[in-house]
Amino acid sequence: LVFHEQCFAIEGHFAGADALRLAALLECANDPSCEAVWFVRGGYGANR
């Protein structure tokens, strides 16, 4: 299990600004060494 450092970022309600959350998701998704991407939790913000 590899927790991206972005999981612990805080900007208001969100786990970092939109750009940071997007970059982390893309980094995980486009990493050929990972077989799965697991969202750490819900709340609100993924739609953005």
ModelCIF file with pLDDT and N, C-alpha, C, O atoms, coordinates in Angstrom:
data_MODEL
#
_entry.id   MODEL 
#
_entity.id                         1 
_entity.type                       polymer 
_entity.pdbx_number_of_molecules   1 
#
_entity_poly.entity_id                      1 
_entity_poly.type                           'polypeptide(L)' 
_entity_poly.nstd_linkage                   no 
_entity_poly.nstd_monomer                   no 
_entity_poly.pdbx_seq_one_letter_code       LVFHEQCFAIEGHFAGADALRLAALLECANDPSCEAVWFVRGGYGANR 
_entity_poly.pdbx_seq_one_letter_code_can   LVFHEQCFAIEGHFAGADALRLAALLECANDPSCEAVWFVRGGYGANR 
_entity_poly.pdbx_strand_id                 A 
#
loop_
_entity_poly_seq.entity_id 
_entity_poly_seq.num 
_entity_poly_seq.mon_id 
_entity_poly_seq.hetero 
1 1  LEU n 
1 2  VAL n 
1 3  PHE n 
1 4  HIS n 
1 5  GLU n 
1 6  GLN n 
1 7  CYS n 
1 8  PHE n 
1 9  ALA n 
1 10 ILE n 
1 11 GLU n 
1 12 GLY n 
1 13 HIS n 
1 14 PHE n 
1 15 ALA n 
1 16 GLY n 
1 17 ALA n 
1 18 ASP n 
1 19 ALA n 
1 20 LEU n 
1 21 ARG n 
1 22 LEU n 
1 23 ALA n 
1 24 ALA n 
1 25 LEU n 
1 26 LEU n 
1 27 GLU n 
1 28 CYS n 
1 29 ALA n 
1 30 ASN n 
1 31 ASP n 
1 32 PRO n 
1 33 SER n 
1 34 CYS n 
1 35 GLU n 
1 36 ALA n 
1 37 VAL n 
1 38 TRP n 
1 39 PHE n 
1 40 VAL n 
1 41 ARG n 
1 42 GLY n 
1 43 GLY n 
1 44 TYR n 
1 45 GLY n 
1 46 ALA n 
1 47 ASN n 
1 48 ARG n 
#
_struct_asym.id          A 
_struct_asym.entity_id   1 
#
loop_
_ma_qa_metric.id 
_ma_qa_metric.mode 
_ma_qa_metric.name 
_ma_qa_metric.software_group_id 
_ma_qa_metric.type 
1 global pLDDT . pLDDT 
2 local  pLDDT . pLDDT 
#
_ma_qa_metric_global.metric_id      1 
_ma_qa_metric_global.metric_value   97.92 
_ma_qa_metric_global.model_id       1 
_ma_qa_metric_global.ordinal_id     1 
#
loop_
_ma_qa_metric_local.label_asym_id 
_ma_qa_metric_local.label_comp_id 
_ma_qa_metric_local.label_seq_id 
_ma_qa_metric_local.metric_id 
_ma_qa_metric_local.metric_value 
_ma_qa_metric_local.model_id 
_ma_qa_metric_local.ordinal_id 
A LEU 1  2 98.00 1 1  
A VAL 2  2 98.00 1 2  
A PHE 3  2 98.00 1 3  
A HIS 4  2 98.00 1 4  
A GLU 5  2 98.00 1 5  
A GLN 6  2 98.00 1 6  
A CYS 7  2 98.00 1 7  
A PHE 8  2 98.00 1 8  
A ALA 9  2 98.00 1 9  
A ILE 10 2 98.00 1 10 
A GLU 11 2 98.00 1 11 
A GLY 12 2 98.00 1 12 
A HIS 13 2 98.00 1 13 
A PHE 14 2 98.00 1 14 
A ALA 15 2 98.00 1 15 
A GLY 16 2 98.00 1 16 
A ALA 17 2 98.00 1 17 
A ASP 18 2 98.00 1 18 
A ALA 19 2 98.00 1 19 
A LEU 20 2 98.00 1 20 
A ARG 21 2 98.00 1 21 
A LEU 22 2 98.00 1 22 
A ALA 23 2 98.00 1 23 
A ALA 24 2 98.00 1 24 
A LEU 25 2 98.00 1 25 
A LEU 26 2 98.00 1 26 
A GLU 27 2 98.00 1 27 
A CYS 28 2 98.00 1 28 
A ALA 29 2 98.00 1 29 
A ASN 30 2 98.00 1 30 
A ASP 31 2 98.00 1 31 
A PRO 32 2 97.00 1 32 
A SER 33 2 97.00 1 33 
A CYS 34 2 97.00 1 34 
A GLU 35 2 97.00 1 35 
A ALA 36 2 98.00 1 36 
A VAL 37 2 98.00 1 37 
A TRP 38 2 98.00 1 38 
A PHE 39 2 99.00 1 39 
A VAL 40 2 98.00 1 40 
A ARG 41 2 98.00 1 41 
A GLY 42 2 98.00 1 42 
A GLY 43 2 97.00 1 43 
A TYR 44 2 98.00 1 44 
A GLY 45 2 98.00 1 45 
A ALA 46 2 98.00 1 46 
A ASN 47 2 98.00 1 47 
A ARG 48 2 98.00 1 48 
#
loop_
_atom_site.group_PDB 
_atom_site.id 
_atom_site.type_symbol 
_atom_site.label_atom_id 
_atom_site.label_alt_id 
_atom_site.label_comp_id 
_atom_site.label_asym_id 
_atom_site.label_entity_id 
_atom_site.label_seq_id 
_atom_site.pdbx_PDB_ins_code 
_atom_site.Cartn_x 
_atom_site.Cartn_y 
_atom_site.Cartn_z 
_atom_site.occupancy 
_atom_site.B_iso_or_equiv 
_atom_site.pdbx_formal_charge 
_atom_site.auth_seq_id 
_atom_site.auth_comp_id 
_atom_site.auth_asym_id 
_atom_site.auth_atom_id 
_atom_site.pdbx_PDB_model_num 
ATOM 1   N N  . LEU A 1 1  ? 0.842   -1.188 0.000   1.00 98.00 ? 1  LEU A N  1 
ATOM 2   C CA . LEU A 1 1  ? 0.000   0.000  0.000   1.00 98.00 ? 1  LEU A CA 1 
ATOM 3   C C  . LEU A 1 1  ? 0.883   1.245  0.000   1.00 98.00 ? 1  LEU A C  1 
ATOM 4   O O  . LEU A 1 1  ? 1.788   1.377  0.824   1.00 98.00 ? 1  LEU A O  1 
ATOM 5   N N  . VAL A 1 2  ? 0.608   2.154  -0.934  1.00 98.00 ? 2  VAL A N  1 
ATOM 6   C CA . VAL A 1 2  ? 1.400   3.372  -1.060  1.00 98.00 ? 2  VAL A CA 1 
ATOM 7   C C  . VAL A 1 2  ? 0.458   4.565  -0.905  1.00 98.00 ? 2  VAL A C  1 
ATOM 8   O O  . VAL A 1 2  ? -0.263  4.923  -1.837  1.00 98.00 ? 2  VAL A O  1 
ATOM 9   N N  . PHE A 1 3  ? 0.471   5.178  0.285   1.00 98.00 ? 3  PHE A N  1 
ATOM 10  C CA . PHE A 1 3  ? -0.339  6.370  0.518   1.00 98.00 ? 3  PHE A CA 1 
ATOM 11  C C  . PHE A 1 3  ? 0.382   7.578  -0.085  1.00 98.00 ? 3  PHE A C  1 
ATOM 12  O O  . PHE A 1 3  ? 1.489   7.922  0.331   1.00 98.00 ? 3  PHE A O  1 
ATOM 13  N N  . HIS A 1 4  ? -0.254  8.212  -1.062  1.00 98.00 ? 4  HIS A N  1 
ATOM 14  C CA . HIS A 1 4  ? 0.313   9.424  -1.644  1.00 98.00 ? 4  HIS A CA 1 
ATOM 15  C C  . HIS A 1 4  ? 0.316   10.522 -0.586  1.00 98.00 ? 4  HIS A C  1 
ATOM 16  O O  . HIS A 1 4  ? -0.632  10.640 0.189   1.00 98.00 ? 4  HIS A O  1 
ATOM 17  N N  . GLU A 1 5  ? 1.351   11.305 -0.553  1.00 98.00 ? 5  GLU A N  1 
ATOM 18  C CA . GLU A 1 5  ? 1.452   12.379 0.433   1.00 98.00 ? 5  GLU A CA 1 
ATOM 19  C C  . GLU A 1 5  ? 0.268   13.335 0.353   1.00 98.00 ? 5  GLU A C  1 
ATOM 20  O O  . GLU A 1 5  ? -0.082  13.977 1.343   1.00 98.00 ? 5  GLU A O  1 
ATOM 21  N N  . GLN A 1 6  ? -0.344  13.432 -0.813  1.00 98.00 ? 6  GLN A N  1 
ATOM 22  C CA . GLN A 1 6  ? -1.494  14.318 -0.995  1.00 98.00 ? 6  GLN A CA 1 
ATOM 23  C C  . GLN A 1 6  ? -2.672  13.921 -0.114  1.00 98.00 ? 6  GLN A C  1 
ATOM 24  O O  . GLN A 1 6  ? -3.523  14.761 0.180   1.00 98.00 ? 6  GLN A O  1 
ATOM 25  N N  . CYS A 1 7  ? -2.742  12.662 0.316   1.00 98.00 ? 7  CYS A N  1 
ATOM 26  C CA . CYS A 1 7  ? -3.834  12.218 1.200   1.00 98.00 ? 7  CYS A CA 1 
ATOM 27  C C  . CYS A 1 7  ? -3.925  13.069 2.464   1.00 98.00 ? 7  CYS A C  1 
ATOM 28  O O  . CYS A 1 7  ? -4.998  13.192 3.055   1.00 98.00 ? 7  CYS A O  1 
ATOM 29  N N  . PHE A 1 8  ? -2.809  13.654 2.877   1.00 98.00 ? 8  PHE A N  1 
ATOM 30  C CA . PHE A 1 8  ? -2.745  14.365 4.149   1.00 98.00 ? 8  PHE A CA 1 
ATOM 31  C C  . PHE A 1 8  ? -2.732  15.882 3.988   1.00 98.00 ? 8  PHE A C  1 
ATOM 32  O O  . PHE A 1 8  ? -2.586  16.614 4.966   1.00 98.00 ? 8  PHE A O  1 
ATOM 33  N N  . ALA A 1 9  ? -2.885  16.348 2.751   1.00 98.00 ? 9  ALA A N  1 
ATOM 34  C CA . ALA A 1 9  ? -2.932  17.786 2.501   1.00 98.00 ? 9  ALA A CA 1 
ATOM 35  C C  . ALA A 1 9  ? -4.291  18.341 2.905   1.00 98.00 ? 9  ALA A C  1 
ATOM 36  O O  . ALA A 1 9  ? -5.307  17.654 2.803   1.00 98.00 ? 9  ALA A O  1 
ATOM 37  N N  . ILE A 1 10 ? -4.301  19.571 3.357   1.00 98.00 ? 10 ILE A N  1 
ATOM 38  C CA . ILE A 1 10 ? -5.560  20.211 3.769   1.00 98.00 ? 10 ILE A CA 1 
ATOM 39  C C  . ILE A 1 10 ? -5.609  21.620 3.193   1.00 98.00 ? 10 ILE A C  1 
ATOM 40  O O  . ILE A 1 10 ? -4.704  22.426 3.413   1.00 98.00 ? 10 ILE A O  1 
ATOM 41  N N  . GLU A 1 11 ? -6.668  21.904 2.460   1.00 98.00 ? 11 GLU A N  1 
ATOM 42  C CA . GLU A 1 11 ? -6.953  23.265 2.008   1.00 98.00 ? 11 GLU A CA 1 
ATOM 43  C C  . GLU A 1 11 ? -8.442  23.484 2.129   1.00 98.00 ? 11 GLU A C  1 
ATOM 44  O O  . GLU A 1 11 ? -9.213  23.087 1.255   1.00 98.00 ? 11 GLU A O  1 
ATOM 45  N N  . GLY A 1 12 ? -8.848  24.124 3.230   1.00 98.00 ? 12 GLY A N  1 
ATOM 46  C CA . GLY A 1 12 ? -10.268 24.237 3.515   1.00 98.00 ? 12 GLY A CA 1 
ATOM 47  C C  . GLY A 1 12 ? -10.868 22.846 3.698   1.00 98.00 ? 12 GLY A C  1 
ATOM 48  O O  . GLY A 1 12 ? -10.346 22.020 4.446   1.00 98.00 ? 12 GLY A O  1 
ATOM 49  N N  . HIS A 1 13 ? -11.958 22.612 3.007   1.00 98.00 ? 13 HIS A N  1 
ATOM 50  C CA . HIS A 1 13 ? -12.640 21.322 3.086   1.00 98.00 ? 13 HIS A CA 1 
ATOM 51  C C  . HIS A 1 13 ? -11.856 20.201 2.403   1.00 98.00 ? 13 HIS A C  1 
ATOM 52  O O  . HIS A 1 13 ? -12.031 19.031 2.742   1.00 98.00 ? 13 HIS A O  1 
ATOM 53  N N  . PHE A 1 14 ? -11.005 20.544 1.455   1.00 98.00 ? 14 PHE A N  1 
ATOM 54  C CA . PHE A 1 14 ? -10.452 19.568 0.511   1.00 98.00 ? 14 PHE A CA 1 
ATOM 55  C C  . PHE A 1 14 ? -9.081  19.036 0.921   1.00 98.00 ? 14 PHE A C  1 
ATOM 56  O O  . PHE A 1 14 ? -8.387  19.613 1.758   1.00 98.00 ? 14 PHE A O  1 
ATOM 57  N N  . ALA A 1 15 ? -8.720  17.922 0.303   1.00 98.00 ? 15 ALA A N  1 
ATOM 58  C CA . ALA A 1 15 ? -7.383  17.345 0.473   1.00 98.00 ? 15 ALA A CA 1 
ATOM 59  C C  . ALA A 1 15 ? -6.427  18.038 -0.500  1.00 98.00 ? 15 ALA A C  1 
ATOM 60  O O  . ALA A 1 15 ? -5.859  17.410 -1.394  1.00 98.00 ? 15 ALA A O  1 
ATOM 61  N N  . GLY A 1 16 ? -6.267  19.332 -0.306  1.00 98.00 ? 16 GLY A N  1 
ATOM 62  C CA . GLY A 1 16 ? -5.475  20.141 -1.221  1.00 98.00 ? 16 GLY A CA 1 
ATOM 63  C C  . GLY A 1 16 ? -6.359  20.793 -2.271  1.00 98.00 ? 16 GLY A C  1 
ATOM 64  O O  . GLY A 1 16 ? -7.524  20.431 -2.437  1.00 98.00 ? 16 GLY A O  1 
ATOM 65  N N  . ALA A 1 17 ? -5.793  21.753 -2.970  1.00 98.00 ? 17 ALA A N  1 
ATOM 66  C CA . ALA A 1 17 ? -6.510  22.442 -4.048  1.00 98.00 ? 17 ALA A CA 1 
ATOM 67  C C  . ALA A 1 17 ? -6.832  21.476 -5.179  1.00 98.00 ? 17 ALA A C  1 
ATOM 68  O O  . ALA A 1 17 ? -6.260  20.389 -5.268  1.00 98.00 ? 17 ALA A O  1 
ATOM 69  N N  . ASP A 1 18 ? -7.755  21.886 -6.042  1.00 98.00 ? 18 ASP A N  1 
ATOM 70  C CA . ASP A 1 18 ? -8.150  21.034 -7.169  1.00 98.00 ? 18 ASP A CA 1 
ATOM 71  C C  . ASP A 1 18 ? -6.940  20.544 -7.958  1.00 98.00 ? 18 ASP A C  1 
ATOM 72  O O  . ASP A 1 18 ? -6.857  19.369 -8.315  1.00 98.00 ? 18 ASP A O  1 
ATOM 73  N N  . ALA A 1 19 ? -6.007  21.448 -8.228  1.00 98.00 ? 19 ALA A N  1 
ATOM 74  C CA . ALA A 1 19 ? -4.845  21.081 -9.040  1.00 98.00 ? 19 ALA A CA 1 
ATOM 75  C C  . ALA A 1 19 ? -4.008  20.006 -8.364  1.00 98.00 ? 19 ALA A C  1 
ATOM 76  O O  . ALA A 1 19 ? -3.488  19.114 -9.035  1.00 98.00 ? 19 ALA A O  1 
ATOM 77  N N  . LEU A 1 20 ? -3.872  20.080 -7.053  1.00 98.00 ? 20 LEU A N  1 
ATOM 78  C CA . LEU A 1 20 ? -3.082  19.084 -6.327  1.00 98.00 ? 20 LEU A CA 1 
ATOM 79  C C  . LEU A 1 20 ? -3.788  17.732 -6.319  1.00 98.00 ? 20 LEU A C  1 
ATOM 80  O O  . LEU A 1 20 ? -3.152  16.698 -6.518  1.00 98.00 ? 20 LEU A O  1 
ATOM 81  N N  . ARG A 1 21 ? -5.103  17.735 -6.088  1.00 98.00 ? 21 ARG A N  1 
ATOM 82  C CA . ARG A 1 21 ? -5.848  16.476 -6.067  1.00 98.00 ? 21 ARG A CA 1 
ATOM 83  C C  . ARG A 1 21 ? -5.840  15.828 -7.447  1.00 98.00 ? 21 ARG A C  1 
ATOM 84  O O  . ARG A 1 21 ? -5.704  14.610 -7.564  1.00 98.00 ? 21 ARG A O  1 
ATOM 85  N N  . LEU A 1 22 ? -5.986  16.639 -8.485  1.00 98.00 ? 22 LEU A N  1 
ATOM 86  C CA . LEU A 1 22 ? -5.944  16.125 -9.852  1.00 98.00 ? 22 LEU A CA 1 
ATOM 87  C C  . LEU A 1 22 ? -4.575  15.531 -10.161 1.00 98.00 ? 22 LEU A C  1 
ATOM 88  O O  . LEU A 1 22 ? -4.481  14.441 -10.725 1.00 98.00 ? 22 LEU A O  1 
ATOM 89  N N  . ALA A 1 23 ? -3.520  16.243 -9.795  1.00 98.00 ? 23 ALA A N  1 
ATOM 90  C CA . ALA A 1 23 ? -2.169  15.762 -10.085 1.00 98.00 ? 23 ALA A CA 1 
ATOM 91  C C  . ALA A 1 23 ? -1.891  14.439 -9.384  1.00 98.00 ? 23 ALA A C  1 
ATOM 92  O O  . ALA A 1 23 ? -1.279  13.545 -9.968  1.00 98.00 ? 23 ALA A O  1 
ATOM 93  N N  . ALA A 1 24 ? -2.336  14.307 -8.135  1.00 98.00 ? 24 ALA A N  1 
ATOM 94  C CA . ALA A 1 24 ? -2.101  13.068 -7.394  1.00 98.00 ? 24 ALA A CA 1 
ATOM 95  C C  . ALA A 1 24 ? -2.872  11.905 -8.007  1.00 98.00 ? 24 ALA A C  1 
ATOM 96  O O  . ALA A 1 24 ? -2.338  10.804 -8.134  1.00 98.00 ? 24 ALA A O  1 
ATOM 97  N N  . LEU A 1 25 ? -4.127  12.143 -8.385  1.00 98.00 ? 25 LEU A N  1 
ATOM 98  C CA . LEU A 1 25 ? -4.914  11.087 -9.006  1.00 98.00 ? 25 LEU A CA 1 
ATOM 99  C C  . LEU A 1 25 ? -4.284  10.640 -10.317 1.00 98.00 ? 25 LEU A C  1 
ATOM 100 O O  . LEU A 1 25 ? -4.209  9.443  -10.594 1.00 98.00 ? 25 LEU A O  1 
ATOM 101 N N  . LEU A 1 26 ? -3.835  11.587 -11.121 1.00 98.00 ? 26 LEU A N  1 
ATOM 102 C CA . LEU A 1 26 ? -3.195  11.234 -12.390 1.00 98.00 ? 26 LEU A CA 1 
ATOM 103 C C  . LEU A 1 26 ? -1.867  10.520 -12.176 1.00 98.00 ? 26 LEU A C  1 
ATOM 104 O O  . LEU A 1 26 ? -1.536  9.593  -12.915 1.00 98.00 ? 26 LEU A O  1 
ATOM 105 N N  . GLU A 1 27 ? -1.113  10.938 -11.185 1.00 98.00 ? 27 GLU A N  1 
ATOM 106 C CA . GLU A 1 27 ? 0.159   10.280 -10.894 1.00 98.00 ? 27 GLU A CA 1 
ATOM 107 C C  . GLU A 1 27 ? -0.070  8.817  -10.532 1.00 98.00 ? 27 GLU A C  1 
ATOM 108 O O  . GLU A 1 27 ? 0.646   7.931  -11.001 1.00 98.00 ? 27 GLU A O  1 
ATOM 109 N N  . CYS A 1 28 ? -1.071  8.575  -9.697  1.00 98.00 ? 28 CYS A N  1 
ATOM 110 C CA . CYS A 1 28 ? -1.384  7.192  -9.304  1.00 98.00 ? 28 CYS A CA 1 
ATOM 111 C C  . CYS A 1 28 ? -1.909  6.394  -10.492 1.00 98.00 ? 28 CYS A C  1 
ATOM 112 O O  . CYS A 1 28 ? -1.488  5.258  -10.714 1.00 98.00 ? 28 CYS A O  1 
ATOM 113 N N  . ALA A 1 29 ? -2.822  6.981  -11.253 1.00 98.00 ? 29 ALA A N  1 
ATOM 114 C CA . ALA A 1 29 ? -3.446  6.273  -12.369 1.00 98.00 ? 29 ALA A CA 1 
ATOM 115 C C  . ALA A 1 29 ? -2.449  5.943  -13.463 1.00 98.00 ? 29 ALA A C  1 
ATOM 116 O O  . ALA A 1 29 ? -2.520  4.873  -14.067 1.00 98.00 ? 29 ALA A O  1 
ATOM 117 N N  . ASN A 1 30 ? -1.527  6.847  -13.721 1.00 98.00 ? 30 ASN A N  1 
ATOM 118 C CA . ASN A 1 30 ? -0.590  6.681  -14.839 1.00 98.00 ? 30 ASN A CA 1 
ATOM 119 C C  . ASN A 1 30 ? 0.732   6.027  -14.434 1.00 98.00 ? 30 ASN A C  1 
ATOM 120 O O  . ASN A 1 30 ? 1.665   5.958  -15.234 1.00 98.00 ? 30 ASN A O  1 
ATOM 121 N N  . ASP A 1 31 ? 0.808   5.554  -13.202 1.00 98.00 ? 31 ASP A N  1 
ATOM 122 C CA . ASP A 1 31 ? 2.005   4.864  -12.722 1.00 98.00 ? 31 ASP A CA 1 
ATOM 123 C C  . ASP A 1 31 ? 1.932   3.393  -13.124 1.00 98.00 ? 31 ASP A C  1 
ATOM 124 O O  . ASP A 1 31 ? 1.088   2.665  -12.600 1.00 98.00 ? 31 ASP A O  1 
ATOM 125 N N  . PRO A 1 32 ? 2.784   2.936  -14.034 1.00 97.00 ? 32 PRO A N  1 
ATOM 126 C CA . PRO A 1 32 ? 2.700   1.539  -14.481 1.00 97.00 ? 32 PRO A CA 1 
ATOM 127 C C  . PRO A 1 32 ? 3.067   0.527  -13.408 1.00 97.00 ? 32 PRO A C  1 
ATOM 128 O O  . PRO A 1 32 ? 2.790   -0.661 -13.572 1.00 97.00 ? 32 PRO A O  1 
ATOM 129 N N  . SER A 1 33 ? 3.685   0.964  -12.312 1.00 97.00 ? 33 SER A N  1 
ATOM 130 C CA . SER A 1 33 ? 4.065   0.027  -11.260 1.00 97.00 ? 33 SER A CA 1 
ATOM 131 C C  . SER A 1 33 ? 2.910   -0.287 -10.317 1.00 97.00 ? 33 SER A C  1 
ATOM 132 O O  . SER A 1 33 ? 3.024   -1.194 -9.493  1.00 97.00 ? 33 SER A O  1 
ATOM 133 N N  . CYS A 1 34 ? 1.796   0.446  -10.419 1.00 97.00 ? 34 CYS A N  1 
ATOM 134 C CA . CYS A 1 34 ? 0.640   0.230  -9.551  1.00 97.00 ? 34 CYS A CA 1 
ATOM 135 C C  . CYS A 1 34 ? -0.449  -0.539 -10.300 1.00 97.00 ? 34 CYS A C  1 
ATOM 136 O O  . CYS A 1 34 ? -0.726  -0.268 -11.469 1.00 97.00 ? 34 CYS A O  1 
ATOM 137 N N  . GLU A 1 35 ? -1.047  -1.482 -9.622  1.00 97.00 ? 35 GLU A N  1 
ATOM 138 C CA . GLU A 1 35 ? -2.110  -2.289 -10.231 1.00 97.00 ? 35 GLU A CA 1 
ATOM 139 C C  . GLU A 1 35 ? -3.497  -1.776 -9.913  1.00 97.00 ? 35 GLU A C  1 
ATOM 140 O O  . GLU A 1 35 ? -4.467  -2.155 -10.569 1.00 97.00 ? 35 GLU A O  1 
ATOM 141 N N  . ALA A 1 36 ? -3.602  -0.914 -8.907  1.00 98.00 ? 36 ALA A N  1 
ATOM 142 C CA . ALA A 1 36 ? -4.910  -0.397 -8.509  1.00 98.00 ? 36 ALA A CA 1 
ATOM 143 C C  . ALA A 1 36 ? -4.743  0.979  -7.891  1.00 98.00 ? 36 ALA A C  1 
ATOM 144 O O  . ALA A 1 36 ? -3.688  1.313  -7.351  1.00 98.00 ? 36 ALA A O  1 
ATOM 145 N N  . VAL A 1 37 ? -5.808  1.775  -7.981  1.00 98.00 ? 37 VAL A N  1 
ATOM 146 C CA . VAL A 1 37 ? -5.883  3.074  -7.318  1.00 98.00 ? 37 VAL A CA 1 
ATOM 147 C C  . VAL A 1 37 ? -7.053  3.018  -6.350  1.00 98.00 ? 37 VAL A C  1 
ATOM 148 O O  . VAL A 1 37 ? -8.182  2.717  -6.738  1.00 98.00 ? 37 VAL A O  1 
ATOM 149 N N  . TRP A 1 38 ? -6.775  3.309  -5.093  1.00 98.00 ? 38 TRP A N  1 
ATOM 150 C CA . TRP A 1 38 ? -7.771  3.217  -4.029  1.00 98.00 ? 38 TRP A CA 1 
ATOM 151 C C  . TRP A 1 38 ? -8.010  4.624  -3.494  1.00 98.00 ? 38 TRP A C  1 
ATOM 152 O O  . TRP A 1 38 ? -7.072  5.280  -3.042  1.00 98.00 ? 38 TRP A O  1 
ATOM 153 N N  . PHE A 1 39 ? -9.255  5.096  -3.540  1.00 99.00 ? 39 PHE A N  1 
ATOM 154 C CA . PHE A 1 39 ? -9.591  6.406  -2.998  1.00 99.00 ? 39 PHE A CA 1 
ATOM 155 C C  . PHE A 1 39 ? -9.644  6.305  -1.478  1.00 99.00 ? 39 PHE A C  1 
ATOM 156 O O  . PHE A 1 39 ? -10.282 5.399  -0.940  1.00 99.00 ? 39 PHE A O  1 
ATOM 157 N N  . VAL A 1 40 ? -8.985  7.217  -0.787  1.00 98.00 ? 40 VAL A N  1 
ATOM 158 C CA . VAL A 1 40 ? -8.822  7.078  0.648   1.00 98.00 ? 40 VAL A CA 1 
ATOM 159 C C  . VAL A 1 40 ? -10.126 7.333  1.413   1.00 98.00 ? 40 VAL A C  1 
ATOM 160 O O  . VAL A 1 40 ? -10.378 6.710  2.444   1.00 98.00 ? 40 VAL A O  1 
ATOM 161 N N  . ARG A 1 41 ? -10.953 8.254  0.899   1.00 98.00 ? 41 ARG A N  1 
ATOM 162 C CA . ARG A 1 41 ? -12.239 8.545  1.538   1.00 98.00 ? 41 ARG A CA 1 
ATOM 163 C C  . ARG A 1 41 ? -13.083 9.413  0.606   1.00 98.00 ? 41 ARG A C  1 
ATOM 164 O O  . ARG A 1 41 ? -12.612 9.859  -0.440  1.00 98.00 ? 41 ARG A O  1 
ATOM 165 N N  . GLY A 1 42 ? -14.332 9.643  1.000   1.00 98.00 ? 42 GLY A N  1 
ATOM 166 C CA . GLY A 1 42 ? -15.226 10.492 0.219   1.00 98.00 ? 42 GLY A CA 1 
ATOM 167 C C  . GLY A 1 42 ? -15.281 11.889 0.794   1.00 98.00 ? 42 GLY A C  1 
ATOM 168 O O  . GLY A 1 42 ? -14.248 12.496 1.080   1.00 98.00 ? 42 GLY A O  1 
ATOM 169 N N  . GLY A 1 43 ? -16.492 12.398 0.963   1.00 97.00 ? 43 GLY A N  1 
ATOM 170 C CA . GLY A 1 43 ? -16.689 13.760 1.449   1.00 97.00 ? 43 GLY A CA 1 
ATOM 171 C C  . GLY A 1 43 ? -17.316 14.603 0.372   1.00 97.00 ? 43 GLY A C  1 
ATOM 172 O O  . GLY A 1 43 ? -18.512 14.483 0.107   1.00 97.00 ? 43 GLY A O  1 
ATOM 173 N N  . TYR A 1 44 ? -16.532 15.451 -0.251  1.00 98.00 ? 44 TYR A N  1 
ATOM 174 C CA . TYR A 1 44 ? -16.978 16.225 -1.404  1.00 98.00 ? 44 TYR A CA 1 
ATOM 175 C C  . TYR A 1 44 ? -15.747 16.773 -2.112  1.00 98.00 ? 44 TYR A C  1 
ATOM 176 O O  . TYR A 1 44 ? -14.776 17.164 -1.465  1.00 98.00 ? 44 TYR A O  1 
ATOM 177 N N  . GLY A 1 45 ? -15.787 16.801 -3.438  1.00 98.00 ? 45 GLY A N  1 
ATOM 178 C CA . GLY A 1 45 ? -14.728 17.434 -4.206  1.00 98.00 ? 45 GLY A CA 1 
ATOM 179 C C  . GLY A 1 45 ? -14.304 16.689 -5.445  1.00 98.00 ? 45 GLY A C  1 
ATOM 180 O O  . GLY A 1 45 ? -13.712 17.283 -6.346  1.00 98.00 ? 45 GLY A O  1 
ATOM 181 N N  . ALA A 1 46 ? -14.595 15.372 -5.520  1.00 98.00 ? 46 ALA A N  1 
ATOM 182 C CA . ALA A 1 46 ? -14.132 14.589 -6.666  1.00 98.00 ? 46 ALA A CA 1 
ATOM 183 C C  . ALA A 1 46 ? -14.757 15.063 -7.970  1.00 98.00 ? 46 ALA A C  1 
ATOM 184 O O  . ALA A 1 46 ? -14.136 14.956 -9.027  1.00 98.00 ? 46 ALA A O  1 
ATOM 185 N N  . ASN A 1 47 ? -15.974 15.585 -7.908  1.00 98.00 ? 47 ASN A N  1 
ATOM 186 C CA . ASN A 1 47 ? -16.638 16.060 -9.130  1.00 98.00 ? 47 ASN A CA 1 
ATOM 187 C C  . ASN A 1 47 ? -15.876 17.201 -9.795  1.00 98.00 ? 47 ASN A C  1 
ATOM 188 O O  . ASN A 1 47 ? -16.004 17.408 -11.002 1.00 98.00 ? 47 ASN A O  1 
ATOM 189 N N  . ARG A 1 48 ? -15.085 17.942 -9.023  1.00 98.00 ? 48 ARG A N  1 
ATOM 190 C CA . ARG A 1 48 ? -14.370 19.099 -9.551  1.00 98.00 ? 48 ARG A CA 1 
ATOM 191 C C  . ARG A 1 48 ? -13.181 18.709 -10.426 1.00 98.00 ? 48 ARG A C  1 
ATOM 192 O O  . ARG A 1 48 ? -12.482 19.581 -10.942 1.00 98.00 ? 48 ARG A O  1 
#
